[in-house]
Amino acid sequence: MSKRALVKYLQSLGKQDLEDQVLDLYARFKPVKEYYNFVFNPKEDKLVEEAKFKIAKEYFPTNGRKPKARRSVAQKAIKQFLTLELDPALTADVMLFNIETAQRYNGDKRINQEAFYKSMLNSFTEMVEYIEINGLKSVYKKRLIDIADTAFDQEWFNAEAFDTLLHP
């Protein structure tokens, strides 16, 4: 359905029908519920803390299980922040926290999978672009440099790419 057709359909509905449809969407779809919960009660700090906890738990589980170290957990939280249009500084902070946590884990227990380093470079690339687009580079410059330096210190095969992104 095109947006134009949707607008035409919505205009043909009465107020009660519209309310019923929105309530139905709210009940059926979790993203709709999250959106309305955020719009009417924006607890950005709480969302950031929850995301950081989930990311940290991926690498340093509290219940003694083996770490999974999945990049997808952080990517899901970041995607949600972008959808909700969370404050860019908070989103950037979570992006940085994700890579910093992965590097802390890699410092404790060396990861021998090339895919891990490639995915961290992808995350770093997306993060640098996001930070530059939102004019936050001066705010997070030290953390960005620390991440690139840590990649060198931990002898990541793609460490030069981290540095190149910061100093084109």
N, C-alpha and C. Protein backbone atom coordinates (compact mmCIF):
# COMPACT_ATOMS: atom_id res chain seq x y z
N MET A 1 0.85 -1.17 0.00
CA MET A 1 0.00 0.00 0.00
C MET A 1 0.90 1.23 0.00
N SER A 2 0.61 2.15 -0.86
CA SER A 2 1.38 3.39 -0.92
C SER A 2 0.96 4.32 0.21
N LYS A 3 1.80 5.28 0.49
CA LYS A 3 1.48 6.26 1.53
C LYS A 3 0.23 7.05 1.14
N ARG A 4 0.13 7.35 -0.13
CA ARG A 4 -1.03 8.11 -0.62
C ARG A 4 -2.33 7.33 -0.39
N ALA A 5 -2.28 6.04 -0.70
CA ALA A 5 -3.47 5.20 -0.49
C ALA A 5 -3.80 5.09 0.99
N LEU A 6 -2.76 5.00 1.82
CA LEU A 6 -2.97 4.92 3.27
C LEU A 6 -3.63 6.20 3.78
N VAL A 7 -3.13 7.34 3.33
CA VAL A 7 -3.71 8.63 3.76
C VAL A 7 -5.19 8.69 3.37
N LYS A 8 -5.48 8.27 2.16
CA LYS A 8 -6.87 8.29 1.68
C LYS A 8 -7.75 7.37 2.54
N TYR A 9 -7.21 6.19 2.87
CA TYR A 9 -7.95 5.24 3.70
C TYR A 9 -8.19 5.81 5.09
N LEU A 10 -7.16 6.38 5.70
CA LEU A 10 -7.27 6.93 7.05
C LEU A 10 -8.26 8.09 7.10
N GLN A 11 -8.28 8.88 6.05
CA GLN A 11 -9.21 10.00 6.00
C GLN A 11 -10.67 9.53 5.89
N SER A 12 -10.85 8.33 5.37
CA SER A 12 -12.22 7.81 5.23
C SER A 12 -12.76 7.23 6.54
N LEU A 13 -11.88 7.00 7.51
CA LEU A 13 -12.30 6.43 8.79
C LEU A 13 -12.79 7.50 9.75
N GLY A 14 -13.67 7.09 10.62
CA GLY A 14 -14.14 7.98 11.68
C GLY A 14 -13.15 7.96 12.83
N LYS A 15 -13.34 8.89 13.76
CA LYS A 15 -12.43 9.01 14.90
C LYS A 15 -12.36 7.71 15.71
N GLN A 16 -13.50 7.11 15.99
CA GLN A 16 -13.52 5.88 16.79
C GLN A 16 -12.79 4.74 16.07
N ASP A 17 -12.97 4.63 14.74
CA ASP A 17 -12.30 3.59 13.97
C ASP A 17 -10.78 3.78 14.00
N LEU A 18 -10.35 5.04 13.91
CA LEU A 18 -8.92 5.33 13.99
C LEU A 18 -8.36 4.94 15.36
N GLU A 19 -9.07 5.32 16.40
CA GLU A 19 -8.64 4.97 17.75
C GLU A 19 -8.55 3.46 17.91
N ASP A 20 -9.53 2.74 17.41
CA ASP A 20 -9.52 1.28 17.50
C ASP A 20 -8.33 0.68 16.77
N GLN A 21 -8.02 1.23 15.60
CA GLN A 21 -6.88 0.70 14.84
C GLN A 21 -5.56 0.95 15.55
N VAL A 22 -5.40 2.14 16.11
CA VAL A 22 -4.15 2.45 16.83
C VAL A 22 -4.02 1.55 18.06
N LEU A 23 -5.11 1.34 18.78
CA LEU A 23 -5.07 0.45 19.94
C LEU A 23 -4.76 -0.99 19.53
N ASP A 24 -5.31 -1.42 18.40
CA ASP A 24 -5.02 -2.75 17.88
C ASP A 24 -3.53 -2.89 17.52
N LEU A 25 -2.98 -1.88 16.86
CA LEU A 25 -1.55 -1.89 16.52
C LEU A 25 -0.70 -1.93 17.78
N TYR A 26 -1.10 -1.14 18.78
CA TYR A 26 -0.39 -1.09 20.06
C TYR A 26 -0.36 -2.48 20.72
N ALA A 27 -1.49 -3.17 20.67
CA ALA A 27 -1.58 -4.49 21.30
C ALA A 27 -0.83 -5.57 20.52
N ARG A 28 -0.84 -5.48 19.21
CA ARG A 28 -0.26 -6.54 18.36
C ARG A 28 1.24 -6.44 18.13
N PHE A 29 1.77 -5.24 18.01
CA PHE A 29 3.14 -5.06 17.57
C PHE A 29 4.00 -4.39 18.63
N LYS A 30 5.02 -5.11 19.06
CA LYS A 30 5.91 -4.62 20.10
C LYS A 30 6.59 -3.29 19.71
N PRO A 31 7.06 -3.12 18.46
CA PRO A 31 7.68 -1.83 18.11
C PRO A 31 6.72 -0.65 18.25
N VAL A 32 5.45 -0.86 17.97
CA VAL A 32 4.46 0.22 18.11
C VAL A 32 4.30 0.55 19.59
N LYS A 33 4.23 -0.48 20.42
CA LYS A 33 4.10 -0.27 21.86
C LYS A 33 5.33 0.47 22.41
N GLU A 34 6.54 0.05 21.98
CA GLU A 34 7.76 0.71 22.42
C GLU A 34 7.78 2.18 21.99
N TYR A 35 7.33 2.42 20.77
CA TYR A 35 7.30 3.79 20.26
C TYR A 35 6.40 4.67 21.13
N TYR A 36 5.17 4.22 21.36
CA TYR A 36 4.26 5.04 22.16
C TYR A 36 4.71 5.17 23.61
N ASN A 37 5.27 4.11 24.16
CA ASN A 37 5.80 4.20 25.52
C ASN A 37 6.91 5.24 25.60
N PHE A 38 7.77 5.25 24.57
CA PHE A 38 8.87 6.21 24.55
C PHE A 38 8.36 7.64 24.34
N VAL A 39 7.42 7.81 23.43
CA VAL A 39 6.90 9.15 23.12
C VAL A 39 6.27 9.79 24.35
N PHE A 40 5.52 9.00 25.11
CA PHE A 40 4.80 9.57 26.25
C PHE A 40 5.57 9.50 27.56
N ASN A 41 6.66 8.74 27.57
CA ASN A 41 7.46 8.62 28.79
C ASN A 41 8.92 8.36 28.40
N PRO A 42 9.58 9.37 27.84
CA PRO A 42 10.93 9.16 27.33
C PRO A 42 11.99 9.06 28.44
N LYS A 43 12.27 7.85 28.83
CA LYS A 43 13.31 7.62 29.84
C LYS A 43 14.57 7.18 29.11
N GLU A 44 15.23 8.15 28.47
CA GLU A 44 16.40 7.85 27.66
C GLU A 44 17.52 7.21 28.47
N ASP A 45 17.77 7.75 29.66
CA ASP A 45 18.86 7.21 30.48
C ASP A 45 18.62 5.75 30.85
N LYS A 46 17.36 5.42 31.12
CA LYS A 46 17.02 4.04 31.46
C LYS A 46 17.27 3.12 30.26
N LEU A 47 16.89 3.56 29.06
CA LEU A 47 17.13 2.76 27.86
C LEU A 47 18.62 2.54 27.62
N VAL A 48 19.41 3.59 27.84
CA VAL A 48 20.86 3.48 27.66
C VAL A 48 21.45 2.49 28.66
N GLU A 49 21.05 2.60 29.90
CA GLU A 49 21.57 1.69 30.93
C GLU A 49 21.19 0.24 30.64
N GLU A 50 19.95 0.02 30.19
CA GLU A 50 19.52 -1.34 29.84
C GLU A 50 20.34 -1.88 28.68
N ALA A 51 20.59 -1.06 27.69
CA ALA A 51 21.38 -1.49 26.53
C ALA A 51 22.81 -1.81 26.94
N LYS A 52 23.40 -0.97 27.76
CA LYS A 52 24.78 -1.22 28.22
C LYS A 52 24.85 -2.50 29.05
N PHE A 53 23.82 -2.73 29.87
CA PHE A 53 23.80 -3.95 30.67
C PHE A 53 23.76 -5.19 29.77
N LYS A 54 22.90 -5.16 28.73
CA LYS A 54 22.79 -6.29 27.81
C LYS A 54 24.10 -6.53 27.07
N ILE A 55 24.74 -5.44 26.63
CA ILE A 55 26.01 -5.57 25.91
C ILE A 55 27.08 -6.15 26.83
N ALA A 56 27.19 -5.61 28.02
CA ALA A 56 28.19 -6.11 28.98
C ALA A 56 27.95 -7.58 29.31
N LYS A 57 26.69 -7.95 29.43
CA LYS A 57 26.33 -9.33 29.76
C LYS A 57 26.73 -10.29 28.64
N GLU A 58 26.75 -9.83 27.39
CA GLU A 58 27.18 -10.65 26.26
C GLU A 58 28.63 -11.08 26.40
N TYR A 59 29.46 -10.20 26.93
CA TYR A 59 30.89 -10.47 27.05
C TYR A 59 31.31 -10.92 28.45
N PHE A 60 30.61 -10.43 29.44
CA PHE A 60 30.93 -10.74 30.83
C PHE A 60 29.66 -11.15 31.57
N PRO A 61 29.15 -12.37 31.30
CA PRO A 61 27.90 -12.80 31.94
C PRO A 61 28.04 -12.90 33.45
N THR A 62 26.97 -12.55 34.12
CA THR A 62 26.99 -12.54 35.59
C THR A 62 26.62 -13.89 36.20
N ASN A 63 26.03 -14.76 35.40
CA ASN A 63 25.56 -16.03 35.96
C ASN A 63 26.51 -17.20 35.72
N GLY A 64 27.74 -16.91 35.31
CA GLY A 64 28.74 -17.96 35.15
C GLY A 64 28.69 -18.71 33.83
N ARG A 65 27.77 -18.36 32.95
CA ARG A 65 27.72 -19.04 31.67
C ARG A 65 28.85 -18.55 30.76
N LYS A 66 29.03 -19.24 29.66
CA LYS A 66 30.07 -18.88 28.69
C LYS A 66 29.63 -17.62 27.93
N PRO A 67 30.55 -16.65 27.73
CA PRO A 67 30.19 -15.45 26.98
C PRO A 67 29.85 -15.77 25.52
N LYS A 68 28.84 -15.08 25.00
CA LYS A 68 28.45 -15.30 23.61
C LYS A 68 29.09 -14.28 22.68
N ALA A 69 29.35 -13.08 23.17
CA ALA A 69 30.03 -12.03 22.41
C ALA A 69 29.40 -11.77 21.05
N ARG A 70 28.06 -11.63 21.04
CA ARG A 70 27.34 -11.38 19.79
C ARG A 70 27.23 -9.88 19.52
N ARG A 71 27.67 -9.47 18.35
CA ARG A 71 27.56 -8.08 17.92
C ARG A 71 26.09 -7.71 17.72
N SER A 72 25.28 -8.67 17.36
CA SER A 72 23.87 -8.41 17.04
C SER A 72 23.10 -7.82 18.21
N VAL A 73 23.48 -8.16 19.43
CA VAL A 73 22.78 -7.63 20.61
C VAL A 73 22.92 -6.10 20.66
N ALA A 74 24.13 -5.62 20.46
CA ALA A 74 24.36 -4.17 20.45
C ALA A 74 23.70 -3.53 19.24
N GLN A 75 23.79 -4.18 18.09
CA GLN A 75 23.22 -3.62 16.87
C GLN A 75 21.71 -3.45 17.01
N LYS A 76 21.06 -4.39 17.67
CA LYS A 76 19.61 -4.32 17.88
C LYS A 76 19.25 -3.11 18.75
N ALA A 77 20.01 -2.91 19.81
CA ALA A 77 19.76 -1.76 20.70
C ALA A 77 20.00 -0.45 19.96
N ILE A 78 21.08 -0.40 19.20
CA ILE A 78 21.41 0.82 18.46
C ILE A 78 20.34 1.12 17.42
N LYS A 79 19.88 0.08 16.74
CA LYS A 79 18.81 0.27 15.73
C LYS A 79 17.55 0.82 16.40
N GLN A 80 17.23 0.30 17.58
CA GLN A 80 16.06 0.80 18.31
C GLN A 80 16.24 2.28 18.66
N PHE A 81 17.44 2.66 19.08
CA PHE A 81 17.70 4.06 19.43
C PHE A 81 17.54 4.96 18.21
N LEU A 82 18.01 4.47 17.07
CA LEU A 82 17.88 5.26 15.84
C LEU A 82 16.41 5.40 15.43
N THR A 83 15.65 4.32 15.59
CA THR A 83 14.22 4.35 15.26
C THR A 83 13.47 5.33 16.16
N LEU A 84 13.80 5.31 17.43
CA LEU A 84 13.13 6.20 18.40
C LEU A 84 13.67 7.63 18.34
N GLU A 85 14.73 7.83 17.56
CA GLU A 85 15.40 9.12 17.46
C GLU A 85 15.87 9.61 18.83
N LEU A 86 16.53 8.70 19.53
CA LEU A 86 17.13 9.01 20.82
C LEU A 86 18.20 10.08 20.63
N ASP A 87 18.52 10.81 21.66
CA ASP A 87 19.57 11.82 21.61
C ASP A 87 20.82 11.22 20.97
N PRO A 88 21.36 11.84 19.91
CA PRO A 88 22.53 11.29 19.22
C PRO A 88 23.73 11.07 20.14
N ALA A 89 23.91 11.91 21.15
CA ALA A 89 25.02 11.74 22.08
C ALA A 89 24.88 10.44 22.87
N LEU A 90 23.67 10.10 23.25
CA LEU A 90 23.43 8.86 23.99
C LEU A 90 23.62 7.64 23.09
N THR A 91 23.14 7.74 21.85
CA THR A 91 23.32 6.65 20.90
C THR A 91 24.80 6.42 20.63
N ALA A 92 25.55 7.50 20.43
CA ALA A 92 26.99 7.40 20.19
C ALA A 92 27.69 6.78 21.40
N ASP A 93 27.25 7.13 22.59
CA ASP A 93 27.84 6.57 23.81
C ASP A 93 27.67 5.05 23.84
N VAL A 94 26.50 4.56 23.46
CA VAL A 94 26.27 3.11 23.43
C VAL A 94 27.12 2.45 22.35
N MET A 95 27.24 3.11 21.21
CA MET A 95 28.08 2.57 20.14
C MET A 95 29.54 2.42 20.62
N LEU A 96 30.03 3.45 21.28
CA LEU A 96 31.39 3.41 21.81
C LEU A 96 31.52 2.34 22.88
N PHE A 97 30.56 2.28 23.77
CA PHE A 97 30.58 1.29 24.85
C PHE A 97 30.65 -0.13 24.29
N ASN A 98 29.93 -0.37 23.20
CA ASN A 98 29.93 -1.69 22.58
C ASN A 98 31.34 -2.12 22.18
N ILE A 99 32.04 -1.26 21.46
CA ILE A 99 33.39 -1.62 21.00
C ILE A 99 34.36 -1.66 22.17
N GLU A 100 34.24 -0.74 23.09
CA GLU A 100 35.13 -0.73 24.26
C GLU A 100 34.97 -2.02 25.07
N THR A 101 33.74 -2.48 25.21
CA THR A 101 33.47 -3.72 25.95
C THR A 101 34.06 -4.92 25.22
N ALA A 102 33.89 -4.95 23.91
CA ALA A 102 34.46 -6.04 23.11
C ALA A 102 35.98 -6.05 23.21
N GLN A 103 36.58 -4.88 23.21
CA GLN A 103 38.04 -4.81 23.34
C GLN A 103 38.50 -5.23 24.73
N ARG A 104 37.74 -4.86 25.74
CA ARG A 104 38.08 -5.29 27.10
C ARG A 104 38.03 -6.81 27.19
N TYR A 105 37.01 -7.41 26.59
CA TYR A 105 36.88 -8.86 26.57
C TYR A 105 38.04 -9.49 25.81
N ASN A 106 38.37 -8.93 24.65
CA ASN A 106 39.45 -9.47 23.84
C ASN A 106 40.80 -9.34 24.56
N GLY A 107 40.94 -8.32 25.39
CA GLY A 107 42.16 -8.17 26.19
C GLY A 107 42.29 -9.27 27.23
N ASP A 108 41.15 -9.72 27.77
CA ASP A 108 41.16 -10.80 28.76
C ASP A 108 41.29 -12.17 28.11
N LYS A 109 40.57 -12.36 27.03
CA LYS A 109 40.54 -13.66 26.36
C LYS A 109 40.59 -13.42 24.85
N ARG A 110 41.72 -13.65 24.28
CA ARG A 110 41.95 -13.38 22.85
C ARG A 110 40.96 -14.15 21.97
N ILE A 111 40.31 -13.43 21.08
CA ILE A 111 39.38 -14.05 20.13
C ILE A 111 40.15 -14.35 18.85
N ASN A 112 40.02 -15.57 18.36
CA ASN A 112 40.77 -16.00 17.18
C ASN A 112 39.91 -16.12 15.93
N GLN A 113 38.82 -15.44 15.90
CA GLN A 113 37.93 -15.49 14.74
C GLN A 113 38.04 -14.18 13.97
N GLU A 114 38.41 -14.27 12.71
CA GLU A 114 38.56 -13.09 11.87
C GLU A 114 37.25 -12.30 11.77
N ALA A 115 36.14 -13.01 11.78
CA ALA A 115 34.83 -12.37 11.68
C ALA A 115 34.60 -11.37 12.81
N PHE A 116 35.11 -11.66 14.00
CA PHE A 116 34.96 -10.74 15.13
C PHE A 116 35.61 -9.40 14.81
N TYR A 117 36.82 -9.43 14.30
CA TYR A 117 37.56 -8.20 14.01
C TYR A 117 36.93 -7.43 12.85
N LYS A 118 36.41 -8.16 11.88
CA LYS A 118 35.72 -7.51 10.76
C LYS A 118 34.45 -6.83 11.25
N SER A 119 33.70 -7.51 12.11
CA SER A 119 32.46 -6.92 12.60
C SER A 119 32.74 -5.71 13.50
N MET A 120 33.82 -5.75 14.27
CA MET A 120 34.18 -4.60 15.09
C MET A 120 34.57 -3.41 14.22
N LEU A 121 35.27 -3.69 13.11
CA LEU A 121 35.61 -2.61 12.18
C LEU A 121 34.34 -2.03 11.54
N ASN A 122 33.39 -2.90 11.20
CA ASN A 122 32.11 -2.42 10.66
C ASN A 122 31.40 -1.53 11.67
N SER A 123 31.37 -1.97 12.92
CA SER A 123 30.73 -1.16 13.97
C SER A 123 31.45 0.17 14.13
N PHE A 124 32.77 0.14 14.09
CA PHE A 124 33.56 1.36 14.25
C PHE A 124 33.30 2.31 13.09
N THR A 125 33.24 1.78 11.88
CA THR A 125 32.98 2.59 10.70
C THR A 125 31.63 3.28 10.81
N GLU A 126 30.59 2.51 11.16
CA GLU A 126 29.25 3.08 11.32
C GLU A 126 29.23 4.14 12.41
N MET A 127 29.96 3.86 13.49
CA MET A 127 29.99 4.78 14.62
C MET A 127 30.67 6.09 14.26
N VAL A 128 31.82 6.01 13.59
CA VAL A 128 32.54 7.23 13.20
C VAL A 128 31.67 8.08 12.28
N GLU A 129 31.01 7.44 11.32
CA GLU A 129 30.12 8.18 10.42
C GLU A 129 28.98 8.85 11.19
N TYR A 130 28.38 8.11 12.10
CA TYR A 130 27.27 8.64 12.90
C TYR A 130 27.73 9.82 13.75
N ILE A 131 28.89 9.67 14.38
CA ILE A 131 29.42 10.73 15.23
C ILE A 131 29.74 11.98 14.41
N GLU A 132 30.32 11.79 13.23
CA GLU A 132 30.64 12.95 12.38
C GLU A 132 29.37 13.63 11.87
N ILE A 133 28.39 12.84 11.43
CA ILE A 133 27.14 13.41 10.92
C ILE A 133 26.44 14.25 11.99
N ASN A 134 26.53 13.80 13.24
CA ASN A 134 25.85 14.49 14.33
C ASN A 134 26.72 15.53 15.04
N GLY A 135 27.91 15.79 14.49
CA GLY A 135 28.78 16.84 15.03
C GLY A 135 29.30 16.55 16.42
N LEU A 136 29.57 15.28 16.71
CA LEU A 136 30.00 14.90 18.05
C LEU A 136 31.47 14.48 18.12
N LYS A 137 32.20 14.66 17.03
CA LYS A 137 33.58 14.16 16.98
C LYS A 137 34.46 14.77 18.07
N SER A 138 34.30 16.06 18.32
CA SER A 138 35.12 16.70 19.35
C SER A 138 34.77 16.17 20.75
N VAL A 139 33.52 15.79 20.94
CA VAL A 139 33.08 15.27 22.24
C VAL A 139 33.68 13.89 22.52
N TYR A 140 33.73 13.06 21.47
CA TYR A 140 34.15 11.66 21.66
C TYR A 140 35.52 11.35 21.06
N LYS A 141 36.28 12.39 20.72
CA LYS A 141 37.58 12.19 20.06
C LYS A 141 38.51 11.27 20.86
N LYS A 142 38.62 11.50 22.15
CA LYS A 142 39.54 10.69 22.98
C LYS A 142 39.14 9.22 22.97
N ARG A 143 37.85 8.95 23.12
CA ARG A 143 37.39 7.56 23.14
C ARG A 143 37.62 6.89 21.79
N LEU A 144 37.42 7.63 20.71
CA LEU A 144 37.67 7.08 19.38
C LEU A 144 39.15 6.73 19.21
N ILE A 145 40.02 7.64 19.63
CA ILE A 145 41.46 7.39 19.53
C ILE A 145 41.86 6.21 20.41
N ASP A 146 41.29 6.13 21.61
CA ASP A 146 41.58 5.01 22.51
C ASP A 146 41.20 3.66 21.88
N ILE A 147 40.08 3.63 21.18
CA ILE A 147 39.65 2.40 20.52
C ILE A 147 40.65 2.01 19.43
N ALA A 148 41.04 2.99 18.61
CA ALA A 148 42.02 2.71 17.55
C ALA A 148 43.35 2.26 18.14
N ASP A 149 43.79 2.91 19.22
CA ASP A 149 45.04 2.52 19.87
C ASP A 149 44.97 1.11 20.46
N THR A 150 43.83 0.78 21.04
CA THR A 150 43.65 -0.56 21.61
C THR A 150 43.69 -1.62 20.52
N ALA A 151 43.13 -1.32 19.36
CA ALA A 151 43.19 -2.26 18.24
C ALA A 151 44.65 -2.55 17.87
N PHE A 152 45.49 -1.50 17.88
CA PHE A 152 46.93 -1.70 17.63
C PHE A 152 47.58 -2.49 18.76
N ASP A 153 47.29 -2.10 20.00
CA ASP A 153 47.89 -2.78 21.16
C ASP A 153 47.54 -4.26 21.21
N GLN A 154 46.31 -4.59 20.80
CA GLN A 154 45.88 -6.00 20.82
C GLN A 154 46.23 -6.72 19.52
N GLU A 155 46.93 -6.02 18.64
CA GLU A 155 47.42 -6.58 17.38
C GLU A 155 46.31 -7.12 16.49
N TRP A 156 45.27 -6.33 16.32
CA TRP A 156 44.19 -6.70 15.41
C TRP A 156 44.73 -6.61 13.99
N PHE A 157 44.40 -7.57 13.15
CA PHE A 157 44.93 -7.59 11.79
C PHE A 157 44.47 -6.37 10.98
N ASN A 158 43.36 -5.76 11.38
CA ASN A 158 42.80 -4.62 10.65
C ASN A 158 42.96 -3.31 11.44
N ALA A 159 43.93 -3.25 12.35
CA ALA A 159 44.11 -2.08 13.21
C ALA A 159 44.37 -0.81 12.42
N GLU A 160 45.08 -0.91 11.32
CA GLU A 160 45.38 0.29 10.53
C GLU A 160 44.10 0.93 9.98
N ALA A 161 43.11 0.11 9.67
CA ALA A 161 41.85 0.63 9.15
C ALA A 161 41.15 1.50 10.20
N PHE A 162 41.28 1.15 11.47
CA PHE A 162 40.69 1.95 12.54
C PHE A 162 41.33 3.35 12.54
N ASP A 163 42.65 3.38 12.45
CA ASP A 163 43.38 4.63 12.45
C ASP A 163 43.06 5.45 11.19
N THR A 164 42.94 4.78 10.06
CA THR A 164 42.64 5.46 8.81
C THR A 164 41.28 6.14 8.85
N LEU A 165 40.33 5.53 9.51
CA LEU A 165 38.99 6.14 9.63
C LEU A 165 39.03 7.44 10.42
N LEU A 166 39.94 7.51 11.38
CA LEU A 166 40.05 8.72 12.21
C LEU A 166 40.90 9.80 11.55
N HIS A 167 41.86 9.36 10.75
CA HIS A 167 42.79 10.30 10.10
C HIS A 167 42.86 9.99 8.61
N PRO A 168 41.82 10.36 7.87
CA PRO A 168 41.79 10.03 6.43
C PRO A 168 42.89 10.69 5.63
